[in-house]
Amino acid sequence: LSWDYRPMCVMYGSCTMEENSKIE
């Protein structure tokens, strides 16, 4: 007989750039 406290966290960041009409 047991118990648990399970936390979880995620942080995410994305970036979109444009240079000379090209996008990445």
mmCIF file of all heavy atoms, coordinates in Angstrom:
data_MODEL
# 
_entry.id   MODEL 
# 
loop_
_atom_site.group_PDB 
_atom_site.id 
_atom_site.type_symbol 
_atom_site.label_atom_id 
_atom_site.label_alt_id 
_atom_site.label_comp_id 
_atom_site.label_asym_id 
_atom_site.label_entity_id 
_atom_site.label_seq_id 
_atom_site.pdbx_PDB_ins_code 
_atom_site.Cartn_x 
_atom_site.Cartn_y 
_atom_site.Cartn_z 
_atom_site.occupancy 
_atom_site.B_iso_or_equiv 
_atom_site.pdbx_formal_charge 
_atom_site.auth_seq_id 
_atom_site.auth_comp_id 
_atom_site.auth_asym_id 
_atom_site.auth_atom_id 
_atom_site.pdbx_PDB_model_num 
ATOM 1   N N   . LEU A 1 1  ? 0.869  -1.180 0.000   1.00 0.00 ? 1  LEU A N   1 
ATOM 2   C CA  . LEU A 1 1  ? 0.000  0.000  0.000   1.00 0.00 ? 1  LEU A CA  1 
ATOM 3   C C   . LEU A 1 1  ? 0.896  1.216  0.000   1.00 0.00 ? 1  LEU A C   1 
ATOM 4   O O   . LEU A 1 1  ? 1.697  1.408  0.912   1.00 0.00 ? 1  LEU A O   1 
ATOM 5   C CB  . LEU A 1 1  ? -0.902 0.003  1.233   1.00 0.00 ? 1  LEU A CB  1 
ATOM 6   C CG  . LEU A 1 1  ? -1.805 1.236  1.428   1.00 0.00 ? 1  LEU A CG  1 
ATOM 7   C CD1 . LEU A 1 1  ? -2.779 1.381  0.262   1.00 0.00 ? 1  LEU A CD1 1 
ATOM 8   C CD2 . LEU A 1 1  ? -2.565 1.135  2.746   1.00 0.00 ? 1  LEU A CD2 1 
ATOM 9   N N   . SER A 1 2  ? 0.801  2.036  -1.049  1.00 0.00 ? 2  SER A N   1 
ATOM 10  C CA  . SER A 1 2  ? 1.657  3.208  -1.123  1.00 0.00 ? 2  SER A CA  1 
ATOM 11  C C   . SER A 1 2  ? 0.963  4.309  -1.897  1.00 0.00 ? 2  SER A C   1 
ATOM 12  O O   . SER A 1 2  ? -0.064 4.101  -2.534  1.00 0.00 ? 2  SER A O   1 
ATOM 13  C CB  . SER A 1 2  ? 2.992  2.860  -1.800  1.00 0.00 ? 2  SER A CB  1 
ATOM 14  O OG  . SER A 1 2  ? 3.941  3.887  -1.585  1.00 0.00 ? 2  SER A OG  1 
ATOM 15  N N   . TRP A 1 3  ? 1.549  5.505  -1.832  1.00 0.00 ? 3  TRP A N   1 
ATOM 16  C CA  . TRP A 1 3  ? 0.995  6.643  -2.570  1.00 0.00 ? 3  TRP A CA  1 
ATOM 17  C C   . TRP A 1 3  ? 2.124  7.487  -3.115  1.00 0.00 ? 3  TRP A C   1 
ATOM 18  O O   . TRP A 1 3  ? 3.270  7.393  -2.671  1.00 0.00 ? 3  TRP A O   1 
ATOM 19  C CB  . TRP A 1 3  ? 0.075  7.474  -1.683  1.00 0.00 ? 3  TRP A CB  1 
ATOM 20  C CG  . TRP A 1 3  ? 0.782  8.235  -0.587  1.00 0.00 ? 3  TRP A CG  1 
ATOM 21  C CD1 . TRP A 1 3  ? 1.232  7.741  0.604   1.00 0.00 ? 3  TRP A CD1 1 
ATOM 22  C CD2 . TRP A 1 3  ? 1.115  9.630  -0.600  1.00 0.00 ? 3  TRP A CD2 1 
ATOM 23  N NE1 . TRP A 1 3  ? 1.824  8.745  1.348   1.00 0.00 ? 3  TRP A NE1 1 
ATOM 24  C CE2 . TRP A 1 3  ? 1.754  9.912  0.632   1.00 0.00 ? 3  TRP A CE2 1 
ATOM 25  C CE3 . TRP A 1 3  ? 0.920  10.663 -1.521  1.00 0.00 ? 3  TRP A CE3 1 
ATOM 26  C CZ2 . TRP A 1 3  ? 2.219  11.185 0.960   1.00 0.00 ? 3  TRP A CZ2 1 
ATOM 27  C CZ3 . TRP A 1 3  ? 1.373  11.928 -1.195  1.00 0.00 ? 3  TRP A CZ3 1 
ATOM 28  C CH2 . TRP A 1 3  ? 2.017  12.182 0.030   1.00 0.00 ? 3  TRP A CH2 1 
ATOM 29  N N   . ASP A 1 4  ? 1.787  8.297  -4.110  1.00 0.00 ? 4  ASP A N   1 
ATOM 30  C CA  . ASP A 1 4  ? 2.799  9.148  -4.734  1.00 0.00 ? 4  ASP A CA  1 
ATOM 31  C C   . ASP A 1 4  ? 2.165  10.476 -5.136  1.00 0.00 ? 4  ASP A C   1 
ATOM 32  O O   . ASP A 1 4  ? 0.959  10.551 -5.406  1.00 0.00 ? 4  ASP A O   1 
ATOM 33  C CB  . ASP A 1 4  ? 3.376  8.457  -5.975  1.00 0.00 ? 4  ASP A CB  1 
ATOM 34  C CG  . ASP A 1 4  ? 4.756  8.982  -6.373  1.00 0.00 ? 4  ASP A CG  1 
ATOM 35  O OD1 . ASP A 1 4  ? 5.299  9.826  -5.632  1.00 0.00 ? 4  ASP A OD1 1 
ATOM 36  O OD2 . ASP A 1 4  ? 5.279  8.536  -7.411  1.00 0.00 ? 4  ASP A OD2 1 
ATOM 37  N N   . TYR A 1 5  ? 3.003  11.486 -5.153  1.00 0.00 ? 5  TYR A N   1 
ATOM 38  C CA  . TYR A 1 5  ? 2.641  12.820 -5.637  1.00 0.00 ? 5  TYR A CA  1 
ATOM 39  C C   . TYR A 1 5  ? 3.554  13.048 -6.832  1.00 0.00 ? 5  TYR A C   1 
ATOM 40  O O   . TYR A 1 5  ? 4.775  13.127 -6.674  1.00 0.00 ? 5  TYR A O   1 
ATOM 41  C CB  . TYR A 1 5  ? 2.890  13.838 -4.529  1.00 0.00 ? 5  TYR A CB  1 
ATOM 42  C CG  . TYR A 1 5  ? 2.811  15.284 -4.950  1.00 0.00 ? 5  TYR A CG  1 
ATOM 43  C CD1 . TYR A 1 5  ? 1.627  16.000 -4.803  1.00 0.00 ? 5  TYR A CD1 1 
ATOM 44  C CD2 . TYR A 1 5  ? 3.915  15.962 -5.473  1.00 0.00 ? 5  TYR A CD2 1 
ATOM 45  C CE1 . TYR A 1 5  ? 1.555  17.330 -5.179  1.00 0.00 ? 5  TYR A CE1 1 
ATOM 46  C CE2 . TYR A 1 5  ? 3.838  17.293 -5.846  1.00 0.00 ? 5  TYR A CE2 1 
ATOM 47  C CZ  . TYR A 1 5  ? 2.668  17.971 -5.701  1.00 0.00 ? 5  TYR A CZ  1 
ATOM 48  O OH  . TYR A 1 5  ? 2.588  19.295 -6.071  1.00 0.00 ? 5  TYR A OH  1 
ATOM 49  N N   . ARG A 1 6  ? 2.969  13.119 -8.040  1.00 0.00 ? 6  ARG A N   1 
ATOM 50  C CA  . ARG A 1 6  ? 3.779  13.197 -9.257  1.00 0.00 ? 6  ARG A CA  1 
ATOM 51  C C   . ARG A 1 6  ? 3.542  14.523 -9.991  1.00 0.00 ? 6  ARG A C   1 
ATOM 52  O O   . ARG A 1 6  ? 2.517  14.695 -10.647 1.00 0.00 ? 6  ARG A O   1 
ATOM 53  C CB  . ARG A 1 6  ? 3.451  12.029 -10.184 1.00 0.00 ? 6  ARG A CB  1 
ATOM 54  C CG  . ARG A 1 6  ? 3.798  10.673 -9.590  1.00 0.00 ? 6  ARG A CG  1 
ATOM 55  C CD  . ARG A 1 6  ? 3.414  9.530  -10.505 1.00 0.00 ? 6  ARG A CD  1 
ATOM 56  N NE  . ARG A 1 6  ? 3.763  8.245  -9.921  1.00 0.00 ? 6  ARG A NE  1 
ATOM 57  C CZ  . ARG A 1 6  ? 3.451  7.067  -10.457 1.00 0.00 ? 6  ARG A CZ  1 
ATOM 58  N NH1 . ARG A 1 6  ? 2.767  7.023  -11.594 1.00 0.00 ? 6  ARG A NH1 1 
ATOM 59  N NH2 . ARG A 1 6  ? 3.807  5.941  -9.854  1.00 0.00 ? 6  ARG A NH2 1 
ATOM 60  N N   . PRO A 1 7  ? 4.491  15.435 -9.904  1.00 0.00 ? 7  PRO A N   1 
ATOM 61  C CA  . PRO A 1 7  ? 4.373  16.693 -10.636 1.00 0.00 ? 7  PRO A CA  1 
ATOM 62  C C   . PRO A 1 7  ? 4.984  16.562 -12.033 1.00 0.00 ? 7  PRO A C   1 
ATOM 63  O O   . PRO A 1 7  ? 5.801  15.671 -12.283 1.00 0.00 ? 7  PRO A O   1 
ATOM 64  C CB  . PRO A 1 7  ? 5.208  17.658 -9.793  1.00 0.00 ? 7  PRO A CB  1 
ATOM 65  C CG  . PRO A 1 7  ? 6.318  16.782 -9.275  1.00 0.00 ? 7  PRO A CG  1 
ATOM 66  C CD  . PRO A 1 7  ? 5.703  15.407 -9.063  1.00 0.00 ? 7  PRO A CD  1 
ATOM 67  N N   . MET A 1 8  ? 4.597  17.438 -12.932 1.00 0.00 ? 8  MET A N   1 
ATOM 68  C CA  . MET A 1 8  ? 5.215  17.517 -14.250 1.00 0.00 ? 8  MET A CA  1 
ATOM 69  C C   . MET A 1 8  ? 5.032  18.927 -14.795 1.00 0.00 ? 8  MET A C   1 
ATOM 70  O O   . MET A 1 8  ? 3.978  19.554 -14.587 1.00 0.00 ? 8  MET A O   1 
ATOM 71  C CB  . MET A 1 8  ? 4.580  16.516 -15.211 1.00 0.00 ? 8  MET A CB  1 
ATOM 72  C CG  . MET A 1 8  ? 5.254  16.452 -16.584 1.00 0.00 ? 8  MET A CG  1 
ATOM 73  S SD  . MET A 1 8  ? 6.950  15.859 -16.486 1.00 0.00 ? 8  MET A SD  1 
ATOM 74  C CE  . MET A 1 8  ? 6.662  14.137 -16.086 1.00 0.00 ? 8  MET A CE  1 
ATOM 75  N N   . CYS A 1 9  ? 6.070  19.420 -15.454 1.00 0.00 ? 9  CYS A N   1 
ATOM 76  C CA  . CYS A 1 9  ? 5.958  20.755 -16.074 1.00 0.00 ? 9  CYS A CA  1 
ATOM 77  C C   . CYS A 1 9  ? 6.752  20.768 -17.369 1.00 0.00 ? 9  CYS A C   1 
ATOM 78  O O   . CYS A 1 9  ? 7.801  20.130 -17.481 1.00 0.00 ? 9  CYS A O   1 
ATOM 79  C CB  . CYS A 1 9  ? 6.449  21.839 -15.126 1.00 0.00 ? 9  CYS A CB  1 
ATOM 80  S SG  . CYS A 1 9  ? 8.076  21.509 -14.407 1.00 0.00 ? 9  CYS A SG  1 
ATOM 81  N N   . VAL A 1 10 ? 6.238  21.502 -18.344 1.00 0.00 ? 10 VAL A N   1 
ATOM 82  C CA  . VAL A 1 10 ? 6.880  21.640 -19.651 1.00 0.00 ? 10 VAL A CA  1 
ATOM 83  C C   . VAL A 1 10 ? 6.777  23.083 -20.093 1.00 0.00 ? 10 VAL A C   1 
ATOM 84  O O   . VAL A 1 10 ? 5.682  23.661 -20.080 1.00 0.00 ? 10 VAL A O   1 
ATOM 85  C CB  . VAL A 1 10 ? 6.213  20.749 -20.722 1.00 0.00 ? 10 VAL A CB  1 
ATOM 86  C CG1 . VAL A 1 10 ? 6.918  20.919 -22.062 1.00 0.00 ? 10 VAL A CG1 1 
ATOM 87  C CG2 . VAL A 1 10 ? 6.196  19.292 -20.295 1.00 0.00 ? 10 VAL A CG2 1 
ATOM 88  N N   . MET A 1 11 ? 7.906  23.669 -20.492 1.00 0.00 ? 11 MET A N   1 
ATOM 89  C CA  . MET A 1 11 ? 7.863  24.995 -21.114 1.00 0.00 ? 11 MET A CA  1 
ATOM 90  C C   . MET A 1 11 ? 8.470  24.894 -22.502 1.00 0.00 ? 11 MET A C   1 
ATOM 91  O O   . MET A 1 11 ? 9.518  24.271 -22.702 1.00 0.00 ? 11 MET A O   1 
ATOM 92  C CB  . MET A 1 11 ? 8.607  26.038 -20.293 1.00 0.00 ? 11 MET A CB  1 
ATOM 93  C CG  . MET A 1 11 ? 8.288  27.456 -20.761 1.00 0.00 ? 11 MET A CG  1 
ATOM 94  S SD  . MET A 1 11 ? 8.703  28.714 -19.544 1.00 0.00 ? 11 MET A SD  1 
ATOM 95  C CE  . MET A 1 11 ? 7.717  30.098 -20.176 1.00 0.00 ? 11 MET A CE  1 
ATOM 96  N N   . TYR A 1 12 ? 7.786  25.519 -23.447 1.00 0.00 ? 12 TYR A N   1 
ATOM 97  C CA  . TYR A 1 12 ? 8.138  25.381 -24.863 1.00 0.00 ? 12 TYR A CA  1 
ATOM 98  C C   . TYR A 1 12 ? 8.131  26.760 -25.505 1.00 0.00 ? 12 TYR A C   1 
ATOM 99  O O   . TYR A 1 12 ? 7.252  27.581 -25.238 1.00 0.00 ? 12 TYR A O   1 
ATOM 100 C CB  . TYR A 1 12 ? 7.109  24.474 -25.546 1.00 0.00 ? 12 TYR A CB  1 
ATOM 101 C CG  . TYR A 1 12 ? 7.155  24.441 -27.054 1.00 0.00 ? 12 TYR A CG  1 
ATOM 102 C CD1 . TYR A 1 12 ? 7.910  23.493 -27.725 1.00 0.00 ? 12 TYR A CD1 1 
ATOM 103 C CD2 . TYR A 1 12 ? 6.429  25.361 -27.813 1.00 0.00 ? 12 TYR A CD2 1 
ATOM 104 C CE1 . TYR A 1 12 ? 7.942  23.451 -29.119 1.00 0.00 ? 12 TYR A CE1 1 
ATOM 105 C CE2 . TYR A 1 12 ? 6.456  25.338 -29.201 1.00 0.00 ? 12 TYR A CE2 1 
ATOM 106 C CZ  . TYR A 1 12 ? 7.214  24.369 -29.849 1.00 0.00 ? 12 TYR A CZ  1 
ATOM 107 O OH  . TYR A 1 12 ? 7.252  24.348 -31.222 1.00 0.00 ? 12 TYR A OH  1 
ATOM 108 N N   . GLY A 1 13 ? 9.114  27.009 -26.355 1.00 0.00 ? 13 GLY A N   1 
ATOM 109 C CA  . GLY A 1 13 ? 9.142  28.250 -27.113 1.00 0.00 ? 13 GLY A CA  1 
ATOM 110 C C   . GLY A 1 13 ? 9.601  28.004 -28.533 1.00 0.00 ? 13 GLY A C   1 
ATOM 111 O O   . GLY A 1 13 ? 10.606 27.307 -28.745 1.00 0.00 ? 13 GLY A O   1 
ATOM 112 N N   . SER A 1 14 ? 8.872  28.513 -29.517 1.00 0.00 ? 14 SER A N   1 
ATOM 113 C CA  . SER A 1 14 ? 9.289  28.383 -30.912 1.00 0.00 ? 14 SER A CA  1 
ATOM 114 C C   . SER A 1 14 ? 9.471  29.763 -31.520 1.00 0.00 ? 14 SER A C   1 
ATOM 115 O O   . SER A 1 14 ? 8.877  30.756 -31.071 1.00 0.00 ? 14 SER A O   1 
ATOM 116 C CB  . SER A 1 14 ? 8.267  27.582 -31.721 1.00 0.00 ? 14 SER A CB  1 
ATOM 117 O OG  . SER A 1 14 ? 7.091  28.343 -31.937 1.00 0.00 ? 14 SER A OG  1 
ATOM 118 N N   . CYS A 1 15 ? 10.285 29.798 -32.545 1.00 0.00 ? 15 CYS A N   1 
ATOM 119 C CA  . CYS A 1 15 ? 10.659 31.061 -33.179 1.00 0.00 ? 15 CYS A CA  1 
ATOM 120 C C   . CYS A 1 15 ? 10.541 30.906 -34.690 1.00 0.00 ? 15 CYS A C   1 
ATOM 121 O O   . CYS A 1 15 ? 10.966 29.891 -35.252 1.00 0.00 ? 15 CYS A O   1 
ATOM 122 C CB  . CYS A 1 15 ? 12.102 31.389 -32.781 1.00 0.00 ? 15 CYS A CB  1 
ATOM 123 S SG  . CYS A 1 15 ? 12.829 32.785 -33.643 1.00 0.00 ? 15 CYS A SG  1 
ATOM 124 N N   . THR A 1 16 ? 9.949  31.882 -35.350 1.00 0.00 ? 16 THR A N   1 
ATOM 125 C CA  . THR A 1 16 ? 9.888  31.914 -36.808 1.00 0.00 ? 16 THR A CA  1 
ATOM 126 C C   . THR A 1 16 ? 10.563 33.191 -37.298 1.00 0.00 ? 16 THR A C   1 
ATOM 127 O O   . THR A 1 16 ? 10.253 34.282 -36.804 1.00 0.00 ? 16 THR A O   1 
ATOM 128 C CB  . THR A 1 16 ? 8.441  31.873 -37.319 1.00 0.00 ? 16 THR A CB  1 
ATOM 129 O OG1 . THR A 1 16 ? 7.800  30.702 -36.812 1.00 0.00 ? 16 THR A OG1 1 
ATOM 130 C CG2 . THR A 1 16 ? 8.389  31.869 -38.835 1.00 0.00 ? 16 THR A CG2 1 
ATOM 131 N N   . MET A 1 17 ? 11.500 33.035 -38.237 1.00 0.00 ? 17 MET A N   1 
ATOM 132 C CA  . MET A 1 17 ? 12.236 34.186 -38.777 1.00 0.00 ? 17 MET A CA  1 
ATOM 133 C C   . MET A 1 17 ? 12.078 34.267 -40.293 1.00 0.00 ? 17 MET A C   1 
ATOM 134 O O   . MET A 1 17 ? 11.847 33.260 -40.962 1.00 0.00 ? 17 MET A O   1 
ATOM 135 C CB  . MET A 1 17 ? 13.734 34.057 -38.468 1.00 0.00 ? 17 MET A CB  1 
ATOM 136 C CG  . MET A 1 17 ? 14.123 34.131 -37.020 1.00 0.00 ? 17 MET A CG  1 
ATOM 137 S SD  . MET A 1 17 ? 15.931 34.049 -36.877 1.00 0.00 ? 17 MET A SD  1 
ATOM 138 C CE  . MET A 1 17 ? 16.106 33.928 -35.103 1.00 0.00 ? 17 MET A CE  1 
ATOM 139 N N   . GLU A 1 18 ? 12.240 35.492 -40.787 1.00 0.00 ? 18 GLU A N   1 
ATOM 140 C CA  . GLU A 1 18 ? 12.224 35.714 -42.233 1.00 0.00 ? 18 GLU A CA  1 
ATOM 141 C C   . GLU A 1 18 ? 13.462 36.491 -42.646 1.00 0.00 ? 18 GLU A C   1 
ATOM 142 O O   . GLU A 1 18 ? 13.837 37.483 -42.014 1.00 0.00 ? 18 GLU A O   1 
ATOM 143 C CB  . GLU A 1 18 ? 10.969 36.482 -42.640 1.00 0.00 ? 18 GLU A CB  1 
ATOM 144 C CG  . GLU A 1 18 ? 10.856 36.682 -44.149 1.00 0.00 ? 18 GLU A CG  1 
ATOM 145 C CD  . GLU A 1 18 ? 9.553  37.341 -44.571 1.00 0.00 ? 18 GLU A CD  1 
ATOM 146 O OE1 . GLU A 1 18 ? 8.792  37.768 -43.672 1.00 0.00 ? 18 GLU A OE1 1 
ATOM 147 O OE2 . GLU A 1 18 ? 9.306  37.421 -45.786 1.00 0.00 ? 18 GLU A OE2 1 
ATOM 148 N N   . GLU A 1 19 ? 14.107 35.999 -43.712 1.00 0.00 ? 19 GLU A N   1 
ATOM 149 C CA  . GLU A 1 19 ? 15.280 36.685 -44.259 1.00 0.00 ? 19 GLU A CA  1 
ATOM 150 C C   . GLU A 1 19 ? 15.277 36.524 -45.775 1.00 0.00 ? 19 GLU A C   1 
ATOM 151 O O   . GLU A 1 19 ? 15.280 35.399 -46.287 1.00 0.00 ? 19 GLU A O   1 
ATOM 152 C CB  . GLU A 1 19 ? 16.563 36.099 -43.671 1.00 0.00 ? 19 GLU A CB  1 
ATOM 153 C CG  . GLU A 1 19 ? 17.828 36.773 -44.184 1.00 0.00 ? 19 GLU A CG  1 
ATOM 154 C CD  . GLU A 1 19 ? 19.078 36.152 -43.574 1.00 0.00 ? 19 GLU A CD  1 
ATOM 155 O OE1 . GLU A 1 19 ? 19.386 34.979 -43.901 1.00 0.00 ? 19 GLU A OE1 1 
ATOM 156 O OE2 . GLU A 1 19 ? 19.726 36.821 -42.764 1.00 0.00 ? 19 GLU A OE2 1 
ATOM 157 N N   . ASN A 1 20 ? 15.237 37.627 -46.479 1.00 0.00 ? 20 ASN A N   1 
ATOM 158 C CA  . ASN A 1 20 ? 15.225 37.613 -47.945 1.00 0.00 ? 20 ASN A CA  1 
ATOM 159 C C   . ASN A 1 20 ? 14.128 36.692 -48.489 1.00 0.00 ? 20 ASN A C   1 
ATOM 160 O O   . ASN A 1 20 ? 14.357 35.854 -49.360 1.00 0.00 ? 20 ASN A O   1 
ATOM 161 C CB  . ASN A 1 20 ? 16.592 37.172 -48.482 1.00 0.00 ? 20 ASN A CB  1 
ATOM 162 C CG  . ASN A 1 20 ? 17.696 38.131 -48.089 1.00 0.00 ? 20 ASN A CG  1 
ATOM 163 O OD1 . ASN A 1 20 ? 17.487 39.346 -47.999 1.00 0.00 ? 20 ASN A OD1 1 
ATOM 164 N ND2 . ASN A 1 20 ? 18.873 37.581 -47.829 1.00 0.00 ? 20 ASN A ND2 1 
ATOM 165 N N   . SER A 1 21 ? 12.932 36.872 -47.922 1.00 0.00 ? 21 SER A N   1 
ATOM 166 C CA  . SER A 1 21 ? 11.729 36.122 -48.324 1.00 0.00 ? 21 SER A CA  1 
ATOM 167 C C   . SER A 1 21 ? 11.792 34.632 -47.990 1.00 0.00 ? 21 SER A C   1 
ATOM 168 O O   . SER A 1 21 ? 10.918 33.869 -48.388 1.00 0.00 ? 21 SER A O   1 
ATOM 169 C CB  . SER A 1 21 ? 11.468 36.285 -49.837 1.00 0.00 ? 21 SER A CB  1 
ATOM 170 O OG  . SER A 1 21 ? 11.266 37.648 -50.157 1.00 0.00 ? 21 SER A OG  1 
ATOM 171 N N   . LYS A 1 22 ? 12.805 34.228 -47.267 1.00 0.00 ? 22 LYS A N   1 
ATOM 172 C CA  . LYS A 1 22 ? 12.931 32.841 -46.827 1.00 0.00 ? 22 LYS A CA  1 
ATOM 173 C C   . LYS A 1 22 ? 12.525 32.745 -45.360 1.00 0.00 ? 22 LYS A C   1 
ATOM 174 O O   . LYS A 1 22 ? 12.931 33.567 -44.543 1.00 0.00 ? 22 LYS A O   1 
ATOM 175 C CB  . LYS A 1 22 ? 14.372 32.360 -47.011 1.00 0.00 ? 22 LYS A CB  1 
ATOM 176 C CG  . LYS A 1 22 ? 14.576 30.893 -46.701 1.00 0.00 ? 22 LYS A CG  1 
ATOM 177 C CD  . LYS A 1 22 ? 16.041 30.509 -46.936 1.00 0.00 ? 22 LYS A CD  1 
ATOM 178 C CE  . LYS A 1 22 ? 16.262 29.037 -46.653 1.00 0.00 ? 22 LYS A CE  1 
ATOM 179 N NZ  . LYS A 1 22 ? 17.695 28.654 -46.838 1.00 0.00 ? 22 LYS A NZ  1 
ATOM 180 N N   . ILE A 1 23 ? 11.708 31.749 -45.021 1.00 0.00 ? 23 ILE A N   1 
ATOM 181 C CA  . ILE A 1 23 ? 11.204 31.592 -43.658 1.00 0.00 ? 23 ILE A CA  1 
ATOM 182 C C   . ILE A 1 23 ? 11.721 30.297 -43.045 1.00 0.00 ? 23 ILE A C   1 
ATOM 183 O O   . ILE A 1 23 ? 11.689 29.237 -43.687 1.00 0.00 ? 23 ILE A O   1 
ATOM 184 C CB  . ILE A 1 23 ? 9.664  31.611 -43.635 1.00 0.00 ? 23 ILE A CB  1 
ATOM 185 C CG1 . ILE A 1 23 ? 9.157  32.999 -44.060 1.00 0.00 ? 23 ILE A CG1 1 
ATOM 186 C CG2 . ILE A 1 23 ? 9.126  31.257 -42.252 1.00 0.00 ? 23 ILE A CG2 1 
ATOM 187 C CD1 . ILE A 1 23 ? 7.651  33.101 -44.162 1.00 0.00 ? 23 ILE A CD1 1 
ATOM 188 N N   . GLU A 1 24 ? 12.215 30.389 -41.823 1.00 0.00 ? 24 GLU A N   1 
ATOM 189 C CA  . GLU A 1 24 ? 12.693 29.220 -41.090 1.00 0.00 ? 24 GLU A CA  1 
ATOM 190 C C   . GLU A 1 24 ? 12.142 29.259 -39.663 1.00 0.00 ? 24 GLU A C   1 
ATOM 191 O O   . GLU A 1 24 ? 11.742 30.313 -39.164 1.00 0.00 ? 24 GLU A O   1 
ATOM 192 C CB  . GLU A 1 24 ? 14.227 29.184 -41.026 1.00 0.00 ? 24 GLU A CB  1 
ATOM 193 C CG  . GLU A 1 24 ? 14.908 29.049 -42.374 1.00 0.00 ? 24 GLU A CG  1 
ATOM 194 C CD  . GLU A 1 24 ? 14.784 27.638 -42.968 1.00 0.00 ? 24 GLU A CD  1 
ATOM 195 O OE1 . GLU A 1 24 ? 14.155 26.772 -42.320 1.00 0.00 ? 24 GLU A OE1 1 
ATOM 196 O OE2 . GLU A 1 24 ? 15.293 27.431 -44.081 1.00 0.00 ? 24 GLU A OE2 1 
# 
